[in-house]
Each structure stands twice: as C-alpha cells, then as structure tokens.
Protein backbone atom coordinates (compact mmCIF):
# COMPACT_ATOMS: atom_id res chain seq x y z
CA MET A 1 -28.93 -40.22 -39.48
CA MET A 2 -27.26 -36.36 -37.81
CA PRO A 3 -24.42 -35.33 -39.84
CA ALA A 4 -21.03 -35.14 -39.10
CA THR A 5 -20.64 -32.82 -36.45
CA LEU A 6 -16.52 -30.80 -36.18
CA VAL A 7 -14.80 -30.92 -32.88
CA LYS A 8 -12.85 -28.43 -32.17
CA PRO A 9 -10.83 -28.96 -29.08
CA LEU A 10 -10.61 -26.83 -26.35
CA VAL A 11 -7.86 -24.89 -25.76
CA ARG A 12 -7.73 -23.16 -22.32
CA VAL A 13 -5.72 -19.68 -22.29
CA PRO A 14 -3.83 -18.67 -19.33
CA VAL A 15 -5.36 -16.02 -16.69
CA GLN A 16 -3.86 -13.23 -16.65
CA SER A 17 -3.63 -12.46 -12.41
CA SER A 18 -4.87 -8.90 -11.97
CA PRO A 19 -1.76 -5.99 -10.90
CA LEU A 20 -3.88 -6.29 -7.68
CA ASP A 21 -3.56 -10.52 -7.68
CA ARG A 22 -0.11 -10.27 -7.73
CA VAL A 23 0.90 -6.78 -5.61
CA ARG A 24 -1.71 -8.74 -2.77
CA ASP A 25 0.99 -11.81 -3.03
CA LEU A 26 4.33 -9.78 -1.82
CA THR A 27 4.68 -8.71 1.50
CA GLY A 28 5.20 -5.89 2.65
CA ALA A 29 9.38 -5.76 2.13
CA GLU A 30 9.05 -7.01 -0.96
CA ARG A 31 7.01 -3.79 -2.10
CA VAL A 32 9.88 -1.70 -1.13
CA VAL A 33 12.63 -3.66 -2.91
CA ALA A 34 10.23 -3.67 -5.45
CA LEU A 35 9.29 -0.07 -6.11
CA TYR A 36 13.22 0.97 -5.70
CA ALA A 37 13.58 -1.62 -9.32
CA SER A 38 11.05 0.44 -10.78
CA ASP A 39 10.36 3.16 -13.11
CA MET A 40 8.94 5.11 -9.95
CA PRO A 41 9.91 8.91 -9.94
CA SER A 42 12.02 8.84 -7.02
CA GLY A 43 10.62 12.76 -6.08
CA ARG A 44 7.87 12.99 -3.54
CA ARG A 45 4.21 12.99 -4.72
CA ARG A 46 1.09 11.16 -4.95
CA HIS A 47 0.50 8.49 -7.01
CA SER A 48 -2.70 6.83 -7.95
CA SER A 49 -3.35 3.38 -6.36
CA GLU A 50 -3.34 2.04 -10.18
CA GLN A 51 0.22 3.56 -11.02
CA VAL A 52 1.75 1.89 -7.45
CA ARG A 53 0.39 -1.75 -8.29
CA GLU A 54 1.81 -1.29 -12.03
CA TRP A 55 5.74 -0.10 -10.88
CA ILE A 56 5.61 -2.64 -8.02
CA VAL A 57 4.37 -5.35 -10.50
CA GLN A 58 7.38 -3.88 -12.99
CA GLY A 59 9.68 -4.00 -10.07
CA ALA A 60 9.04 -7.38 -9.08
CA GLU A 61 9.25 -8.32 -12.64
CA ARG A 62 12.96 -6.57 -13.64
CA LEU A 63 13.88 -9.23 -10.22
CA GLY A 64 12.75 -11.92 -10.23
CA ALA A 65 10.59 -13.75 -7.25
CA GLU A 66 13.91 -15.12 -5.77
CA GLU A 67 15.43 -12.09 -5.51
CA THR A 68 12.86 -9.93 -4.42
CA ARG A 69 12.20 -11.84 -1.59
CA ARG A 70 16.04 -12.37 -0.78
CA TRP A 71 16.47 -8.78 -0.96
CA ALA A 72 13.11 -7.26 1.09
CA GLN A 73 14.96 -10.22 4.04
CA PHE A 74 18.03 -8.00 3.99
CA PHE A 75 15.92 -5.24 3.79
CA TYR A 76 13.71 -6.16 6.38
CA GLY A 77 17.17 -7.63 8.82
CA HIS A 78 19.03 -4.06 8.08
CA ARG A 79 15.44 -2.38 9.41
CA LEU A 80 15.35 -4.01 12.77
CA LEU A 81 19.53 -3.79 13.74
CA ASP A 82 19.01 -0.31 12.85
CA LEU A 83 16.36 0.81 14.86
CA HIS A 84 18.63 -1.39 17.81
CA GLY A 85 21.59 0.32 17.00
CA LEU A 86 23.32 -2.27 16.20
CA LEU A 87 23.96 -2.39 12.82
CA THR A 88 27.74 -3.38 12.30
CA PRO A 89 30.13 -1.57 8.96
CA GLN A 90 29.86 -4.52 6.57
CA ILE A 91 25.85 -4.81 6.65
CA GLN A 92 25.37 -1.06 6.19
CA GLN A 93 27.71 -1.34 3.17
CA ARG A 94 26.37 -4.19 1.51
CA HIS A 95 22.69 -2.37 2.15
CA GLU A 96 24.00 0.90 0.17
CA GLN A 97 25.09 -0.80 -2.58
CA ARG A 98 21.94 -2.43 -2.85
CA PHE A 99 19.93 0.63 -1.50
CA PRO A 100 22.76 4.04 -2.83
CA LYS A 101 19.72 5.96 -3.38
CA ARG A 102 18.50 6.56 0.35
CA GLY A 103 16.01 9.40 -0.50
CA ARG A 104 14.51 6.71 -3.36
CA LEU A 105 14.36 3.87 -0.41
CA ASN A 106 12.33 6.40 1.61
CA VAL A 107 10.09 7.07 -1.25
CA ALA A 108 9.40 3.42 -2.05
CA ASP A 109 8.43 2.66 1.59
CA GLN A 110 6.39 5.41 1.63
CA GLN A 111 4.16 4.02 -1.13
CA ALA A 112 4.52 0.33 -0.49
CA ALA A 113 2.99 1.52 3.24
CA GLY A 114 -0.15 2.46 1.59
CA SER A 115 -0.30 -0.21 -0.95
CA VAL A 116 -0.24 -2.67 2.22
CA CYS A 117 -2.77 -0.51 3.72
CA GLY A 118 -4.49 -0.02 1.17
CA ASP A 119 -4.39 -3.59 -1.14
CA SER A 120 -3.40 -5.28 2.22
CA MET A 121 -2.24 -9.23 1.47
CA THR A 122 -3.50 -12.64 1.05
CA LYS A 123 -3.08 -15.30 4.09
CA GLU A 124 0.56 -17.14 2.87
CA THR A 125 1.33 -13.87 1.58
CA LEU A 126 0.90 -12.80 5.50
CA LEU A 127 2.64 -16.07 7.25
CA ARG A 128 5.64 -15.18 5.20
CA ASN A 129 5.83 -11.78 6.31
CA GLY A 130 8.01 -10.65 8.49
CA ILE A 131 10.90 -12.82 8.19
CA PRO A 132 14.23 -11.25 8.20
CA ALA A 133 17.96 -12.04 7.42
CA VAL A 134 21.44 -10.63 7.73
CA ASP A 135 23.26 -9.73 4.84
CA GLY A 136 27.14 -10.37 6.81
CA ASP A 137 28.26 -10.77 9.44
CA CYS A 138 25.13 -10.73 12.61
CA PRO A 139 26.36 -8.90 16.12
CA CYS A 140 24.73 -11.90 17.69
CA ARG A 141 27.30 -14.33 15.98
CA GLY A 142 24.71 -16.80 15.31
CA THR A 143 24.42 -17.31 19.20
CA ARG A 144 20.72 -14.81 19.13
CA HIS A 145 22.19 -13.42 22.18
CA ILE A 146 24.08 -9.67 21.79
CA PRO A 147 26.08 -8.95 24.88
CA ALA A 148 24.26 -5.47 26.52
CA PHE A 149 26.17 -4.35 29.31
CA TYR A 150 28.47 -5.58 31.84
CA ASP A 151 26.23 -5.98 35.90
CA GLU A 152 28.32 -6.46 38.50
CA ASP A 153 26.07 -9.25 40.17
CA CYS A 154 25.15 -10.57 37.23
CA GLY A 155 28.31 -10.89 35.19
CA THR A 156 27.53 -9.77 31.19
CA VAL A 157 24.05 -8.93 30.59
CA ASP A 158 22.56 -10.36 26.56
CA MET A 159 20.03 -9.07 24.80
CA LEU A 160 18.30 -11.41 22.14
CA CYS A 161 19.19 -10.61 18.87
CA PRO A 162 16.26 -8.50 16.91
CA VAL A 163 17.08 -10.83 13.84
CA HIS A 164 17.26 -14.02 14.68
CA ALA A 165 15.71 -13.74 17.82
CA ARG A 166 12.81 -12.61 16.62
CA ALA A 167 10.48 -15.19 16.68
CA GLU A 168 10.99 -16.39 20.96
CA ILE A 169 11.24 -12.05 21.06
CA ARG A 170 7.69 -11.64 19.71
CA ARG A 171 6.38 -14.46 21.88
CA HIS A 172 7.57 -12.71 24.78
CA ARG A 173 6.07 -9.40 24.37
CA ALA A 174 2.62 -11.94 23.56
CA GLY A 175 2.85 -13.18 27.09
CA TYR A 176 4.33 -17.32 25.62
CA GLY A 177 8.01 -16.53 26.51
CA GLN A 178 8.17 -19.48 29.14
CA THR A 179 9.13 -22.13 26.06
CA PHE A 180 10.32 -21.73 22.25
CA ASP A 181 11.06 -24.29 19.37
CA LEU A 182 14.57 -22.64 17.21
CA ARG A 183 12.81 -24.22 14.57
CA ASP A 184 10.20 -20.14 14.96
CA ASP A 185 13.14 -18.59 14.61
CA VAL A 186 14.63 -19.95 11.09
CA ARG A 187 11.16 -19.31 9.54
CA HIS A 188 9.49 -17.11 11.25
CA THR A 189 5.78 -17.88 11.66
CA PRO A 190 3.98 -14.27 12.84
CA ARG A 191 0.52 -14.36 14.82
CA HIS A 192 -1.13 -11.24 13.37
CA THR A 193 -4.06 -11.58 15.44
CA GLY A 194 -3.90 -10.24 19.59
CA GLU A 195 -0.03 -9.71 19.20
CA GLN A 196 0.46 -7.08 21.93
CA ARG A 197 3.61 -4.60 19.49
C-alpha cells in the first residue's frame, strides 16, 4: 500500500507582460500621450529603447487606458486639422490645456515615432491605429464636408473633413472612392498594405 501523498493545489501566478509587450499594445499617438505624461525629461537627448519603453508604460499607467486612448484620439484629430489649416480657436485651446508644453510634446512625438519604428504594434493595435477625434466644434459641424471655396459655375466647393471623413479620404487615395460605408468613419479601420500615402 502506498503512503498518503500530500497534494498541494496548483496556484497560477499571473504572468506580467514585458514592457515591450505593453508598448506594442499602444498606437503611435497613445505612445506620444504616455511619454508626455511620464517622467521623461523634456530635453532632446538620445535614450535607450528600454528607457523609452519604461516611460511609455509609466505614462500609460499614470493616465489609465481609457484616458490615454481618448487623449491620443484628440491629439491625432488636432494634428489632422492643423495639417489642413482647419483648427478652430476652441480646439486649439483645449489642445494647449491638455499639452501645455509644446517642446515636451515634440520630444514625446519624436520618441514615440522611434518606438513605433523599432517596436512595431500588435495586429489588434494596428486595427485601431489612426482613429482621430475632435475635442470641440469640428469645422465640418458633423456634416463631413467643409466649404473650401466658391466657384461661379459650381457654387460652393467642399472638401472632405480630414477627421470625420477619414475613411472615405483613405479609400479615395487607394482608388476605392466609388462607394463608402458611414460606419467606417465612426471606427476607421486602416489598410496598412498596398495603400498610397
């Protein structure tokens, strides 16, 4: 007869994801926001990839996942409107309230770009990358079209809103402008291969 065997219950210890895994779960804009909120120094210096990852994780934890994502969407929406000369005073003011140190934001943007290039993103993260939002009254006023100029023959000529018609603009650039689904503009899912920029 075998002696009694003591069986100790198996306790599963949660596996902590590495900083690299956590960073790969963040979009480029989310990394910018996280770096801005972190203890990263504002001066322009080279830092190791490991140090940048630690700051990204620190800033994302500091803000929380929901705020990091929300701020990142506003940051990207501001950038798109700024690139097209469409910023309103309200949107600019809210952007400056969120990111009062312009130089620090530039450094965070540069470090995040290096992180995206070196660390890439997961497939799930790529699907939500490039989703903009507007913190304030968008120049399109929800119509997805912004009056660009007046032509005597055509009347008012509109441009597509770079934020709210983003998916449609990307399809036009890729050659698929014939039809579009409005749901794509609510949650933009970019194509990352074979698309002209």
